[in-house]
Amino acid sequence: MDISFTNNAYAGFYELKKDVYSEMKNPYAADANKTFVATNTYRTVGTKSQILESDSCLVFRTRTKVDENGQLVSAHYGMIYGRWTTEFGMQAEAIFFNPRPNDTNLEDLDEFTRSRLKNRGELR
C-alpha cells in the first residue's frame, strides 16, 4: 500500500512510535520543523496490509499553502494512530484532524471525541 500527499508543497507525514514509558503516549503537537515525507510504501502480506502497528502513529500536514516565494504560510495538522490495516476494509484505530490552520496541537480531546462519535454514527 502506498500513502501519498502529493497535492501541495510541504504536505506529507512522518511516523513515530508512542512513548510507552509516559502517561502521555501520543504526541501533544506536530513538529512543524520535522521532515514530512510525501509518499511511503507500507508492508503488504498477501491480501493484508498493515500500515501502522498499535504502538505507532502518523502525524500529517495537509491543506498547505505557500507564498509567492514558495515558503509555507498555512497548513493543517493531524494524526492517525493505533492499528491501521486493510485486513477487513480500511480500518484505523483513531484519526484526529485539527481544523484550525497553523495550529500544531494534536490533543484537543473535545474535537477528537466529537469526530470519533460522529464517525461511529453516535453524534449528528
PDB file of N, CA and C in Angstrom:
ATOM      1  N   MET A   1       0.842  -1.177   0.000  1.00  0.00           N
ATOM      2  CA  MET A   1       0.000   0.000   0.000  1.00  0.00           C
ATOM      3  C   MET A   1       0.881   1.232   0.000  1.00  0.00           C
ATOM      4  N   ASP A   2       0.543   2.180  -0.845  1.00  0.00           N
ATOM      5  CA  ASP A   2       1.251   3.452  -0.894  1.00  0.00           C
ATOM      6  C   ASP A   2       0.375   4.529  -0.277  1.00  0.00           C
ATOM      7  N   ILE A   3       0.966   5.343   0.566  1.00  0.00           N
ATOM      8  CA  ILE A   3       0.289   6.512   1.129  1.00  0.00           C
ATOM      9  C   ILE A   3       1.010   7.714   0.554  1.00  0.00           C
ATOM     10  N   SER A   4       0.249   8.664   0.026  1.00  0.00           N
ATOM     11  CA  SER A   4       0.917   9.821  -0.550  1.00  0.00           C
ATOM     12  C   SER A   4       0.124  11.101  -0.318  1.00  0.00           C
ATOM     13  N   PHE A   5       0.869  12.163  -0.120  1.00  0.00           N
ATOM     14  CA  PHE A   5       0.351  13.521  -0.010  1.00  0.00           C
ATOM     15  C   PHE A   5       1.078  14.304  -1.094  1.00  0.00           C
ATOM     16  N   THR A   6       0.547  14.281  -2.283  1.00  0.00           N
ATOM     17  CA  THR A   6       1.263  14.888  -3.406  1.00  0.00           C
ATOM     18  C   THR A   6       0.549  16.104  -3.973  1.00  0.00           C
ATOM     19  N   ASN A   7      -0.530  16.527  -3.340  1.00  0.00           N
ATOM     20  CA  ASN A   7      -1.323  17.606  -3.911  1.00  0.00           C
ATOM     21  C   ASN A   7      -0.692  18.984  -3.743  1.00  0.00           C
ATOM     22  N   ASN A   8       0.049  19.221  -2.682  1.00  0.00           N
ATOM     23  CA  ASN A   8       0.623  20.540  -2.432  1.00  0.00           C
ATOM     24  C   ASN A   8       2.028  20.422  -1.859  1.00  0.00           C
ATOM     25  N   ALA A   9       2.829  21.461  -2.083  1.00  0.00           N
ATOM     26  CA  ALA A   9       4.165  21.505  -1.496  1.00  0.00           C
ATOM     27  C   ALA A   9       4.063  21.480   0.029  1.00  0.00           C
ATOM     28  N   TYR A  10       5.006  20.860   0.679  1.00  0.00           N
ATOM     29  CA  TYR A  10       5.129  20.758   2.133  1.00  0.00           C
ATOM     30  C   TYR A  10       4.114  19.813   2.776  1.00  0.00           C
ATOM     31  N   ALA A  11       3.181  19.254   2.009  1.00  0.00           N
ATOM     32  CA  ALA A  11       2.238  18.286   2.573  1.00  0.00           C
ATOM     33  C   ALA A  11       2.956  16.950   2.731  1.00  0.00           C
ATOM     34  N   GLY A  12       2.572  16.194   3.741  1.00  0.00           N
ATOM     35  CA  GLY A  12       3.189  14.899   3.953  1.00  0.00           C
ATOM     36  C   GLY A  12       2.949  14.399   5.359  1.00  0.00           C
ATOM     37  N   PHE A  13       3.799  13.468   5.783  1.00  0.00           N
ATOM     38  CA  PHE A  13       3.627  12.866   7.098  1.00  0.00           C
ATOM     39  C   PHE A  13       4.951  12.328   7.603  1.00  0.00           C
ATOM     40  N   TYR A  14       4.994  12.053   8.902  1.00  0.00           N
ATOM     41  CA  TYR A  14       6.106  11.307   9.480  1.00  0.00           C
ATOM     42  C   TYR A  14       5.526  10.316  10.481  1.00  0.00           C
ATOM     43  N   GLU A  15       6.216   9.201  10.627  1.00  0.00           N
ATOM     44  CA  GLU A  15       5.758   8.138  11.530  1.00  0.00           C
ATOM     45  C   GLU A  15       6.600   8.163  12.790  1.00  0.00           C
ATOM     46  N   LEU A  16       5.953   7.891  13.923  1.00  0.00           N
ATOM     47  CA  LEU A  16       6.705   7.739  15.162  1.00  0.00           C
ATOM     48  C   LEU A  16       6.035   6.728  16.076  1.00  0.00           C
ATOM     49  N   LYS A  17       6.834   6.198  16.977  1.00  0.00           N
ATOM     50  CA  LYS A  17       6.340   5.236  17.952  1.00  0.00           C
ATOM     51  C   LYS A  17       5.802   5.991  19.160  1.00  0.00           C
ATOM     52  N   LYS A  18       4.762   5.428  19.784  1.00  0.00           N
ATOM     53  CA  LYS A  18       4.241   6.015  21.008  1.00  0.00           C
ATOM     54  C   LYS A  18       5.274   5.865  22.117  1.00  0.00           C
ATOM     55  N   ASP A  19       5.259   6.770  23.061  1.00  0.00           N
ATOM     56  CA  ASP A  19       6.159   6.726  24.202  1.00  0.00           C
ATOM     57  C   ASP A  19       5.545   5.810  25.257  1.00  0.00           C
ATOM     58  N   VAL A  20       5.962   4.569  25.271  1.00  0.00           N
ATOM     59  CA  VAL A  20       5.339   3.583  26.166  1.00  0.00           C
ATOM     60  C   VAL A  20       5.675   3.810  27.635  1.00  0.00           C
ATOM     61  N   TYR A  21       6.667   4.662  27.928  1.00  0.00           N
ATOM     62  CA  TYR A  21       7.066   4.913  29.312  1.00  0.00           C
ATOM     63  C   TYR A  21       6.409   6.150  29.904  1.00  0.00           C
ATOM     64  N   SER A  22       5.585   6.818  29.142  1.00  0.00           N
ATOM     65  CA  SER A  22       4.968   8.056  29.590  1.00  0.00           C
ATOM     66  C   SER A  22       3.451   7.887  29.712  1.00  0.00           C
ATOM     67  N   GLU A  23       2.838   8.682  30.584  1.00  0.00           N
ATOM     68  CA  GLU A  23       1.377   8.710  30.654  1.00  0.00           C
ATOM     69  C   GLU A  23       0.805   9.330  29.388  1.00  0.00           C
ATOM     70  N   MET A  24       1.558  10.222  28.756  1.00  0.00           N
ATOM     71  CA  MET A  24       1.152  10.855  27.507  1.00  0.00           C
ATOM     72  C   MET A  24       1.824  10.094  26.365  1.00  0.00           C
ATOM     73  N   LYS A  25       1.209   9.015  25.918  1.00  0.00           N
ATOM     74  CA  LYS A  25       1.822   8.137  24.924  1.00  0.00           C
ATOM     75  C   LYS A  25       1.853   8.731  23.519  1.00  0.00           C
ATOM     76  N   ASN A  26       0.912   9.600  23.216  1.00  0.00           N
ATOM     77  CA  ASN A  26       0.828  10.210  21.892  1.00  0.00           C
ATOM     78  C   ASN A  26       1.449  11.601  21.912  1.00  0.00           C
ATOM     79  N   PRO A  27       1.939  12.070  20.767  1.00  0.00           N
ATOM     80  CA  PRO A  27       2.499  13.419  20.730  1.00  0.00           C
ATOM     81  C   PRO A  27       1.413  14.455  21.004  1.00  0.00           C
ATOM     82  N   TYR A  28       1.764  15.504  21.715  1.00  0.00           N
ATOM     83  CA  TYR A  28       0.787  16.552  22.009  1.00  0.00           C
ATOM     84  C   TYR A  28       0.759  17.622  20.942  1.00  0.00           C
ATOM     85  N   ALA A  29       1.783  17.639  20.076  1.00  0.00           N
ATOM     86  CA  ALA A  29       1.818  18.624  18.994  1.00  0.00           C
ATOM     87  C   ALA A  29       2.634  18.055  17.837  1.00  0.00           C
ATOM     88  N   ALA A  30       2.268  18.464  16.631  1.00  0.00           N
ATOM     89  CA  ALA A  30       3.061  18.099  15.458  1.00  0.00           C
ATOM     90  C   ALA A  30       4.338  18.923  15.471  1.00  0.00           C
ATOM     91  N   ASP A  31       5.428  18.350  15.047  1.00  0.00           N
ATOM     92  CA  ASP A  31       6.694  19.065  14.927  1.00  0.00           C
ATOM     93  C   ASP A  31       6.752  19.677  13.527  1.00  0.00           C
ATOM     94  N   ALA A  32       6.409  20.942  13.413  1.00  0.00           N
ATOM     95  CA  ALA A  32       6.333  21.607  12.113  1.00  0.00           C
ATOM     96  C   ALA A  32       7.694  21.709  11.432  1.00  0.00           C
ATOM     97  N   ASN A  33       8.784  21.547  12.189  1.00  0.00           N
ATOM     98  CA  ASN A  33      10.133  21.629  11.618  1.00  0.00           C
ATOM     99  C   ASN A  33      10.671  20.275  11.168  1.00  0.00           C
ATOM    100  N   LYS A  34       9.957  19.218  11.464  1.00  0.00           N
ATOM    101  CA  LYS A  34      10.378  17.877  11.073  1.00  0.00           C
ATOM    102  C   LYS A  34      10.179  17.700   9.566  1.00  0.00           C
ATOM    103  N   THR A  35      10.893  16.782   8.968  1.00  0.00           N
ATOM    104  CA  THR A  35      10.726  16.495   7.554  1.00  0.00           C
ATOM    105  C   THR A  35       9.471  15.658   7.349  1.00  0.00           C
ATOM    106  N   PHE A  36       8.539  16.167   6.577  1.00  0.00           N
ATOM    107  CA  PHE A  36       7.311  15.458   6.234  1.00  0.00           C
ATOM    108  C   PHE A  36       7.526  14.822   4.867  1.00  0.00           C
ATOM    109  N   VAL A  37       7.467  13.497   4.791  1.00  0.00           N
ATOM    110  CA  VAL A  37       7.643  12.826   3.504  1.00  0.00           C
ATOM    111  C   VAL A  37       6.318  12.815   2.766  1.00  0.00           C
ATOM    112  N   ALA A  38       6.385  12.929   1.437  1.00  0.00           N
ATOM    113  CA  ALA A  38       5.155  12.991   0.644  1.00  0.00           C
ATOM    114  C   ALA A  38       4.599  11.608   0.354  1.00  0.00           C
ATOM    115  N   THR A  39       5.469  10.584   0.254  1.00  0.00           N
ATOM    116  CA  THR A  39       4.989   9.235  -0.055  1.00  0.00           C
ATOM    117  C   THR A  39       5.787   8.203   0.731  1.00  0.00           C
ATOM    118  N   ASN A  40       5.161   7.056   0.953  1.00  0.00           N
ATOM    119  CA  ASN A  40       5.826   5.927   1.587  1.00  0.00           C
ATOM    120  C   ASN A  40       5.055   4.669   1.231  1.00  0.00           C
ATOM    121  N   THR A  41       5.753   3.571   1.075  1.00  0.00           N
ATOM    122  CA  THR A  41       5.121   2.284   0.799  1.00  0.00           C
ATOM    123  C   THR A  41       5.164   1.453   2.066  1.00  0.00           C
ATOM    124  N   TYR A  42       4.015   0.918   2.451  1.00  0.00           N
ATOM    125  CA  TYR A  42       3.924   0.119   3.668  1.00  0.00           C
ATOM    126  C   TYR A  42       3.800  -1.348   3.346  1.00  0.00           C
ATOM    127  N   ARG A  43       4.108  -2.154   4.331  1.00  0.00           N
ATOM    128  CA  ARG A  43       4.208  -3.602   4.150  1.00  0.00           C
ATOM    129  C   ARG A  43       2.883  -4.260   3.785  1.00  0.00           C
ATOM    130  N   THR A  44       2.964  -5.214   2.886  1.00  0.00           N
ATOM    131  CA  THR A  44       1.792  -5.977   2.464  1.00  0.00           C
ATOM    132  C   THR A  44       2.134  -7.460   2.553  1.00  0.00           C
ATOM    133  N   VAL A  45       1.241  -8.242   3.158  1.00  0.00           N
ATOM    134  CA  VAL A  45       1.417  -9.688   3.247  1.00  0.00           C
ATOM    135  C   VAL A  45       0.177 -10.316   2.625  1.00  0.00           C
ATOM    136  N   GLY A  46       0.313 -10.907   1.449  1.00  0.00           N
ATOM    137  CA  GLY A  46      -0.842 -11.464   0.753  1.00  0.00           C
ATOM    138  C   GLY A  46      -1.831 -10.366   0.442  1.00  0.00           C
ATOM    139  N   THR A  47      -3.063 -10.524   0.899  1.00  0.00           N
ATOM    140  CA  THR A  47      -4.086  -9.502   0.677  1.00  0.00           C
ATOM    141  C   THR A  47      -4.229  -8.572   1.874  1.00  0.00           C
ATOM    142  N   LYS A  48      -3.410  -8.777   2.921  1.00  0.00           N
ATOM    143  CA  LYS A  48      -3.499  -7.953   4.123  1.00  0.00           C
ATOM    144  C   LYS A  48      -2.391  -6.911   4.119  1.00  0.00           C
ATOM    145  N   SER A  49      -2.738  -5.708   4.487  1.00  0.00           N
ATOM    146  CA  SER A  49      -1.760  -4.640   4.569  1.00  0.00           C
ATOM    147  C   SER A  49      -1.807  -4.029   5.968  1.00  0.00           C
ATOM    148  N   GLN A  50      -0.692  -4.078   6.667  1.00  0.00           N
ATOM    149  CA  GLN A  50      -0.576  -3.484   7.996  1.00  0.00           C
ATOM    150  C   GLN A  50       0.180  -2.174   7.837  1.00  0.00           C
ATOM    151  N   ILE A  51      -0.527  -1.071   7.923  1.00  0.00           N
ATOM    152  CA  ILE A  51       0.096   0.230   7.722  1.00  0.00           C
ATOM    153  C   ILE A  51       0.750   0.704   9.012  1.00  0.00           C
ATOM    154  N   LEU A  52       0.019   0.614  10.107  1.00  0.00           N
ATOM    155  CA  LEU A  52       0.551   1.018  11.406  1.00  0.00           C
ATOM    156  C   LEU A  52       0.330  -0.082  12.428  1.00  0.00           C
ATOM    157  N   GLU A  53       1.286  -0.224  13.325  1.00  0.00           N
ATOM    158  CA  GLU A  53       1.125  -1.108  14.480  1.00  0.00           C
ATOM    159  C   GLU A  53       0.393  -0.330  15.571  1.00  0.00           C
ATOM    160  N   SER A  54      -0.065  -1.013  16.586  1.00  0.00           N
ATOM    161  CA  SER A  54      -0.825  -0.351  17.658  1.00  0.00           C
ATOM    162  C   SER A  54       0.019   0.631  18.459  1.00  0.00           C
ATOM    163  N   ASP A  55       1.349   0.521  18.386  1.00  0.00           N
ATOM    164  CA  ASP A  55       2.211   1.426  19.152  1.00  0.00           C
ATOM    165  C   ASP A  55       2.789   2.562  18.299  1.00  0.00           C
ATOM    166  N   SER A  56       2.188   2.816  17.126  1.00  0.00           N
ATOM    167  CA  SER A  56       2.705   3.842  16.209  1.00  0.00           C
ATOM    168  C   SER A  56       1.643   4.867  15.853  1.00  0.00           C
ATOM    169  N   CYS A  57       2.099   5.967  15.269  1.00  0.00           N
ATOM    170  CA  CYS A  57       1.164   6.955  14.726  1.00  0.00           C
ATOM    171  C   CYS A  57       1.804   7.677  13.554  1.00  0.00           C
ATOM    172  N   LEU A  58       0.962   8.196  12.688  1.00  0.00           N
ATOM    173  CA  LEU A  58       1.400   9.055  11.593  1.00  0.00           C
ATOM    174  C   LEU A  58       0.924  10.461  11.905  1.00  0.00           C
ATOM    175  N   VAL A  59       1.840  11.400  11.922  1.00  0.00           N
ATOM    176  CA  VAL A  59       1.484  12.810  12.066  1.00  0.00           C
ATOM    177  C   VAL A  59       1.517  13.375  10.648  1.00  0.00           C
ATOM    178  N   PHE A  60       0.436  14.035  10.245  1.00  0.00           N
ATOM    179  CA  PHE A  60       0.386  14.527   8.872  1.00  0.00           C
ATOM    180  C   PHE A  60       0.152  16.022   8.800  1.00  0.00           C
ATOM    181  N   ARG A  61       0.570  16.591   7.660  1.00  0.00           N
ATOM    182  CA  ARG A  61       0.350  18.009   7.359  1.00  0.00           C
ATOM    183  C   ARG A  61      -0.319  18.046   5.993  1.00  0.00           C
ATOM    184  N   THR A  62      -1.428  18.775   5.892  1.00  0.00           N
ATOM    185  CA  THR A  62      -2.189  18.825   4.652  1.00  0.00           C
ATOM    186  C   THR A  62      -2.774  20.222   4.458  1.00  0.00           C
ATOM    187  N   ARG A  63      -3.476  20.415   3.360  1.00  0.00           N
ATOM    188  CA  ARG A  63      -4.071  21.718   3.020  1.00  0.00           C
ATOM    189  C   ARG A  63      -3.035  22.836   3.108  1.00  0.00           C
ATOM    190  N   THR A  64      -1.845  22.569   2.607  1.00  0.00           N
ATOM    191  CA  THR A  64      -0.756  23.533   2.695  1.00  0.00           C
ATOM    192  C   THR A  64      -0.917  24.646   1.661  1.00  0.00           C
ATOM    193  N   LYS A  65      -0.458  25.834   2.030  1.00  0.00           N
ATOM    194  CA  LYS A  65      -0.451  26.995   1.132  1.00  0.00           C
ATOM    195  C   LYS A  65       0.924  27.636   1.213  1.00  0.00           C
ATOM    196  N   VAL A  66       1.399  28.114   0.076  1.00  0.00           N
ATOM    197  CA  VAL A  66       2.705  28.771   0.021  1.00  0.00           C
ATOM    198  C   VAL A  66       2.547  30.192  -0.505  1.00  0.00           C
ATOM    199  N   ASP A  67       3.528  31.035  -0.177  1.00  0.00           N
ATOM    200  CA  ASP A  67       3.507  32.405  -0.683  1.00  0.00           C
ATOM    201  C   ASP A  67       4.184  32.467  -2.045  1.00  0.00           C
ATOM    202  N   GLU A  68       4.344  33.671  -2.592  1.00  0.00           N
ATOM    203  CA  GLU A  68       4.915  33.839  -3.927  1.00  0.00           C
ATOM    204  C   GLU A  68       6.378  33.402  -3.997  1.00  0.00           C
ATOM    205  N   ASN A  69       7.038  33.272  -2.839  1.00  0.00           N
ATOM    206  CA  ASN A  69       8.427  32.807  -2.801  1.00  0.00           C
ATOM    207  C   ASN A  69       8.533  31.305  -2.550  1.00  0.00           C
ATOM    208  N   GLY A  70       7.382  30.627  -2.479  1.00  0.00           N
ATOM    209  CA  GLY A  70       7.384  29.189  -2.251  1.00  0.00           C
ATOM    210  C   GLY A  70       7.545  28.777  -0.805  1.00  0.00           C
ATOM    211  N   GLN A  71       7.395  29.720   0.117  1.00  0.00           N
ATOM    212  CA  GLN A  71       7.526  29.426   1.548  1.00  0.00           C
ATOM    213  C   GLN A  71       6.174  29.022   2.123  1.00  0.00           C
ATOM    214  N   LEU A  72       6.188  28.064   3.010  1.00  0.00           N
ATOM    215  CA  LEU A  72       4.963  27.597   3.660  1.00  0.00           C
ATOM    216  C   LEU A  72       4.366  28.701   4.524  1.00  0.00           C
ATOM    217  N   VAL A  73       3.089  29.015   4.307  1.00  0.00           N
ATOM    218  CA  VAL A  73       2.429  30.052   5.104  1.00  0.00           C
ATOM    219  C   VAL A  73       1.214  29.518   5.857  1.00  0.00           C
ATOM    220  N   SER A  74       0.679  28.386   5.425  1.00  0.00           N
ATOM    221  CA  SER A  74      -0.504  27.852   6.094  1.00  0.00           C
ATOM    222  C   SER A  74      -0.575  26.338   5.907  1.00  0.00           C
ATOM    223  N   ALA A  75      -1.029  25.649   6.960  1.00  0.00           N
ATOM    224  CA  ALA A  75      -1.178  24.192   6.895  1.00  0.00           C
ATOM    225  C   ALA A  75      -2.104  23.735   8.008  1.00  0.00           C
ATOM    226  N   HIS A  76      -2.659  22.545   7.838  1.00  0.00           N
ATOM    227  CA  HIS A  76      -3.441  21.884   8.875  1.00  0.00           C
ATOM    228  C   HIS A  76      -2.693  20.618   9.282  1.00  0.00           C
ATOM    229  N   TYR A  77      -2.797  20.264  10.555  1.00  0.00           N
ATOM    230  CA  TYR A  77      -2.088  19.106  11.082  1.00  0.00           C
ATOM    231  C   TYR A  77      -3.076  18.097  11.644  1.00  0.00           C
ATOM    232  N   GLY A  78      -2.654  16.859  11.680  1.00  0.00           N
ATOM    233  CA  GLY A  78      -3.492  15.808  12.232  1.00  0.00           C
ATOM    234  C   GLY A  78      -2.671  14.580  12.532  1.00  0.00           C
ATOM    235  N   MET A  79      -3.372  13.538  12.995  1.00  0.00           N
ATOM    236  CA  MET A  79      -2.683  12.327  13.396  1.00  0.00           C
ATOM    237  C   MET A  79      -3.589  11.126  13.164  1.00  0.00           C
ATOM    238  N   ILE A  80      -2.991  10.058  12.671  1.00  0.00           N
ATOM    239  CA  ILE A  80      -3.653   8.754  12.587  1.00  0.00           C
ATOM    240  C   ILE A  80      -2.866   7.865  13.523  1.00  0.00           C
ATOM    241  N   TYR A  81      -3.536   7.276  14.506  1.00  0.00           N
ATOM    242  CA  TYR A  81      -2.746   6.454  15.419  1.00  0.00           C
ATOM    243  C   TYR A  81      -3.441   5.154  15.776  1.00  0.00           C
ATOM    244  N   GLY A  82      -2.613   4.269  16.309  1.00  0.00           N
ATOM    245  CA  GLY A  82      -3.088   2.943  16.635  1.00  0.00           C
ATOM    246  C   GLY A  82      -3.041   2.047  15.411  1.00  0.00           C
ATOM    247  N   ARG A  83      -3.584   0.890  15.553  1.00  0.00           N
ATOM    248  CA  ARG A  83      -3.551  -0.104  14.479  1.00  0.00           C
ATOM    249  C   ARG A  83      -4.327   0.417  13.263  1.00  0.00           C
ATOM    250  N   TRP A  84      -3.674   0.395  12.097  1.00  0.00           N
ATOM    251  CA  TRP A  84      -4.293   0.815  10.841  1.00  0.00           C
ATOM    252  C   TRP A  84      -4.020  -0.290   9.826  1.00  0.00           C
ATOM    253  N   THR A  85      -5.083  -0.880   9.297  1.00  0.00           N
ATOM    254  CA  THR A  85      -4.940  -2.044   8.440  1.00  0.00           C
ATOM    255  C   THR A  85      -5.990  -2.043   7.337  1.00  0.00           C
ATOM    256  N   THR A  86      -5.782  -2.878   6.349  1.00  0.00           N
ATOM    257  CA  THR A  86      -6.794  -3.096   5.308  1.00  0.00           C
ATOM    258  C   THR A  86      -7.285  -4.541   5.357  1.00  0.00           C
ATOM    259  N   GLU A  87      -7.127  -5.176   6.510  1.00  0.00           N
ATOM    260  CA  GLU A  87      -7.494  -6.584   6.662  1.00  0.00           C
ATOM    261  C   GLU A  87      -8.960  -6.848   6.352  1.00  0.00           C
ATOM    262  N   PHE A  88      -9.857  -6.053   6.869  1.00  0.00           N
ATOM    263  CA  PHE A  88     -11.301  -6.177   6.602  1.00  0.00           C
ATOM    264  C   PHE A  88     -11.814  -4.843   6.091  1.00  0.00           C
ATOM    265  N   GLY A  89     -11.245  -4.345   5.031  1.00  0.00           N
ATOM    266  CA  GLY A  89     -11.527  -2.999   4.569  1.00  0.00           C
ATOM    267  C   GLY A  89     -10.595  -2.043   5.306  1.00  0.00           C
ATOM    268  N   MET A  90     -10.604  -0.792   4.972  1.00  0.00           N
ATOM    269  CA  MET A  90      -9.721   0.179   5.613  1.00  0.00           C
ATOM    270  C   MET A  90     -10.198   0.458   7.029  1.00  0.00           C
ATOM    271  N   GLN A  91      -9.335   0.213   8.015  1.00  0.00           N
ATOM    272  CA  GLN A  91      -9.686   0.446   9.421  1.00  0.00           C
ATOM    273  C   GLN A  91      -8.523   1.109  10.131  1.00  0.00           C
ATOM    274  N   ALA A  92      -8.811   2.180  10.848  1.00  0.00           N
ATOM    275  CA  ALA A  92      -7.810   2.851  11.673  1.00  0.00           C
ATOM    276  C   ALA A  92      -8.387   2.980  13.075  1.00  0.00           C
ATOM    277  N   GLU A  93      -7.526   2.838  14.058  1.00  0.00           N
ATOM    278  CA  GLU A  93      -7.988   2.946  15.445  1.00  0.00           C
ATOM    279  C   GLU A  93      -8.558   4.334  15.722  1.00  0.00           C
ATOM    280  N   ALA A  94      -7.836   5.366  15.305  1.00  0.00           N
ATOM    281  CA  ALA A  94      -8.319   6.729  15.536  1.00  0.00           C
ATOM    282  C   ALA A  94      -7.642   7.699  14.573  1.00  0.00           C
ATOM    283  N   ILE A  95      -8.396   8.723  14.193  1.00  0.00           N
ATOM    284  CA  ILE A  95      -7.877   9.776  13.330  1.00  0.00           C
ATOM    285  C   ILE A  95      -8.243  11.112  13.969  1.00  0.00           C
ATOM    286  N   PHE A  96      -7.267  12.008  14.045  1.00  0.00           N
ATOM    287  CA  PHE A  96      -7.517  13.342  14.562  1.00  0.00           C
ATOM    288  C   PHE A  96      -7.075  14.351  13.520  1.00  0.00           C
ATOM    289  N   PHE A  97      -7.924  15.301  13.203  1.00  0.00           N
ATOM    290  CA  PHE A  97      -7.614  16.391  12.275  1.00  0.00           C
ATOM    291  C   PHE A  97      -7.891  17.696  12.987  1.00  0.00           C
ATOM    292  N   ASN A  98      -6.899  18.567  13.073  1.00  0.00           N
ATOM    293  CA  ASN A  98      -7.081  19.866  13.711  1.00  0.00           C
ATOM    294  C   ASN A  98      -7.604  20.839  12.652  1.00  0.00           C
ATOM    295  N   PRO A  99      -8.830  21.342  12.803  1.00  0.00           N
ATOM    296  CA  PRO A  99      -9.417  22.214  11.781  1.00  0.00           C
ATOM    297  C   PRO A  99      -8.880  23.643  11.790  1.00  0.00           C
ATOM    298  N   ARG A 100      -8.050  23.985  12.784  1.00  0.00           N
ATOM    299  CA  ARG A 100      -7.514  25.344  12.878  1.00  0.00           C
ATOM    300  C   ARG A 100      -6.188  25.451  12.110  1.00  0.00           C
ATOM    301  N   PRO A 101      -6.100  26.343  11.110  1.00  0.00           N
ATOM    302  CA  PRO A 101      -4.867  26.485  10.330  1.00  0.00           C
ATOM    303  C   PRO A 101      -3.679  26.856  11.219  1.00  0.00           C
ATOM    304  N   ASN A 102      -2.542  26.250  10.922  1.00  0.00           N
ATOM    305  CA  ASN A 102      -1.262  26.534  11.583  1.00  0.00           C
ATOM    306  C   ASN A 102      -1.226  26.164  13.066  1.00  0.00           C
ATOM    307  N   ASP A 103      -2.213  25.465  13.557  1.00  0.00           N
ATOM    308  CA  ASP A 103      -2.230  25.016  14.943  1.00  0.00           C
ATOM    309  C   ASP A 103      -1.736  23.575  14.965  1.00  0.00           C
ATOM    310  N   THR A 104      -0.584  23.338  15.575  1.00  0.00           N
ATOM    311  CA  THR A 104       0.013  22.006  15.585  1.00  0.00           C
ATOM    312  C   THR A 104      -0.515  21.116  16.713  1.00  0.00           C
ATOM    313  N   ASN A 105      -1.446  21.616  17.505  1.00  0.00           N
ATOM    314  CA  ASN A 105      -1.996  20.862  18.631  1.00  0.00           C
ATOM    315  C   ASN A 105      -2.646  19.564  18.156  1.00  0.00           C
ATOM    316  N   LEU A 106      -2.278  18.454  18.791  1.00  0.00           N
ATOM    317  CA  LEU A 106      -2.846  17.153  18.456  1.00  0.00           C
ATOM    318  C   LEU A 106      -3.588  16.539  19.636  1.00  0.00           C
ATOM    319  N   GLU A 107      -3.896  17.331  20.651  1.00  0.00           N
ATOM    320  CA  GLU A 107      -4.512  16.751  21.838  1.00  0.00           C
ATOM    321  C   GLU A 107      -5.804  17.441  22.255  1.00  0.00           C
ATOM    322  N   ASP A 108      -6.499  18.080  21.337  1.00  0.00           N
ATOM    323  CA  ASP A 108      -7.767  18.728  21.657  1.00  0.00           C
ATOM    324  C   ASP A 108      -8.822  17.644  21.795  1.00  0.00           C
ATOM    325  N   LEU A 109      -8.982  17.133  23.002  1.00  0.00           N
ATOM    326  CA  LEU A 109      -9.844  15.984  23.251  1.00  0.00           C
ATOM    327  C   LEU A 109     -11.289  16.247  22.863  1.00  0.00           C
ATOM    328  N   ASP A 110     -11.786  17.464  23.057  1.00  0.00           N
ATOM    329  CA  ASP A 110     -13.172  17.773  22.720  1.00  0.00           C
ATOM    330  C   ASP A 110     -13.422  17.578  21.225  1.00  0.00           C
ATOM    331  N   GLU A 111     -12.570  18.156  20.386  1.00  0.00           N
ATOM    332  CA  GLU A 111     -12.709  17.987  18.939  1.00  0.00           C
ATOM    333  C   GLU A 111     -12.538  16.528  18.545  1.00  0.00           C
ATOM    334  N   PHE A 112     -11.550  15.863  19.136  1.00  0.00           N
ATOM    335  CA  PHE A 112     -11.271  14.468  18.807  1.00  0.00           C
ATOM    336  C   PHE A 112     -12.455  13.582  19.179  1.00  0.00           C
ATOM    337  N   THR A 113     -13.014  13.766  20.366  1.00  0.00           N
ATOM    338  CA  THR A 113     -14.138  12.943  20.803  1.00  0.00           C
ATOM    339  C   THR A 113     -15.331  13.140  19.880  1.00  0.00           C
ATOM    340  N   ARG A 114     -15.635  14.378  19.522  1.00  0.00           N
ATOM    341  CA  ARG A 114     -16.772  14.624  18.631  1.00  0.00           C
ATOM    342  C   ARG A 114     -16.551  13.963  17.287  1.00  0.00           C
ATOM    343  N   SER A 115     -15.333  14.026  16.744  1.00  0.00           N
ATOM    344  CA  SER A 115     -15.097  13.430  15.428  1.00  0.00           C
ATOM    345  C   SER A 115     -15.210  11.907  15.495  1.00  0.00           C
ATOM    346  N   ARG A 116     -14.745  11.292  16.569  1.00  0.00           N
ATOM    347  CA  ARG A 116     -14.863   9.831  16.684  1.00  0.00           C
ATOM    348  C   ARG A 116     -16.328   9.422  16.821  1.00  0.00           C
ATOM    349  N   LEU A 117     -17.102  10.148  17.628  1.00  0.00           N
ATOM    350  CA  LEU A 117     -18.506   9.826  17.793  1.00  0.00           C
ATOM    351  C   LEU A 117     -19.256  10.020  16.474  1.00  0.00           C
ATOM    352  N   LYS A 118     -18.916  11.085  15.772  1.00  0.00           N
ATOM    353  CA  LYS A 118     -19.585  11.338  14.502  1.00  0.00           C
ATOM    354  C   LYS A 118     -19.273  10.229  13.504  1.00  0.00           C
ATOM    355  N   ASN A 119     -18.022   9.766  13.476  1.00  0.00           N
ATOM    356  CA  ASN A 119     -17.645   8.701  12.556  1.00  0.00           C
ATOM    357  C   ASN A 119     -18.343   7.393  12.888  1.00  0.00           C
ATOM    358  N   ARG A 120     -18.657   7.167  14.144  1.00  0.00           N
ATOM    359  CA  ARG A 120     -19.349   5.950  14.528  1.00  0.00           C
ATOM    360  C   ARG A 120     -20.864   6.104  14.434  1.00  0.00           C
ATOM    361  N   GLY A 121     -21.355   7.275  14.039  1.00  0.00           N
ATOM    362  CA  GLY A 121     -22.771   7.497  13.865  1.00  0.00           C
ATOM    363  C   GLY A 121     -23.506   7.810  15.156  1.00  0.00           C
ATOM    364  N   GLU A 122     -22.773   8.097  16.239  1.00  0.00           N
ATOM    365  CA  GLU A 122     -23.409   8.369  17.528  1.00  0.00           C
ATOM    366  C   GLU A 122     -23.691   9.856  17.746  1.00  0.00           C
ATOM    367  N   LEU A 123     -23.154  10.692  16.883  1.00  0.00           N
ATOM    368  CA  LEU A 123     -23.346  12.134  17.020  1.00  0.00           C
ATOM    369  C   LEU A 123     -23.750  12.678  15.662  1.00  0.00           C
ATOM    370  N   ARG A 124     -24.717  13.556  15.625  1.00  0.00           N
ATOM    371  CA  ARG A 124     -25.183  14.089  14.344  1.00  0.00           C
ATOM    372  C   ARG A 124     -24.846  15.557  14.229  1.00  0.00           C
TER     373      ARG A 124
END
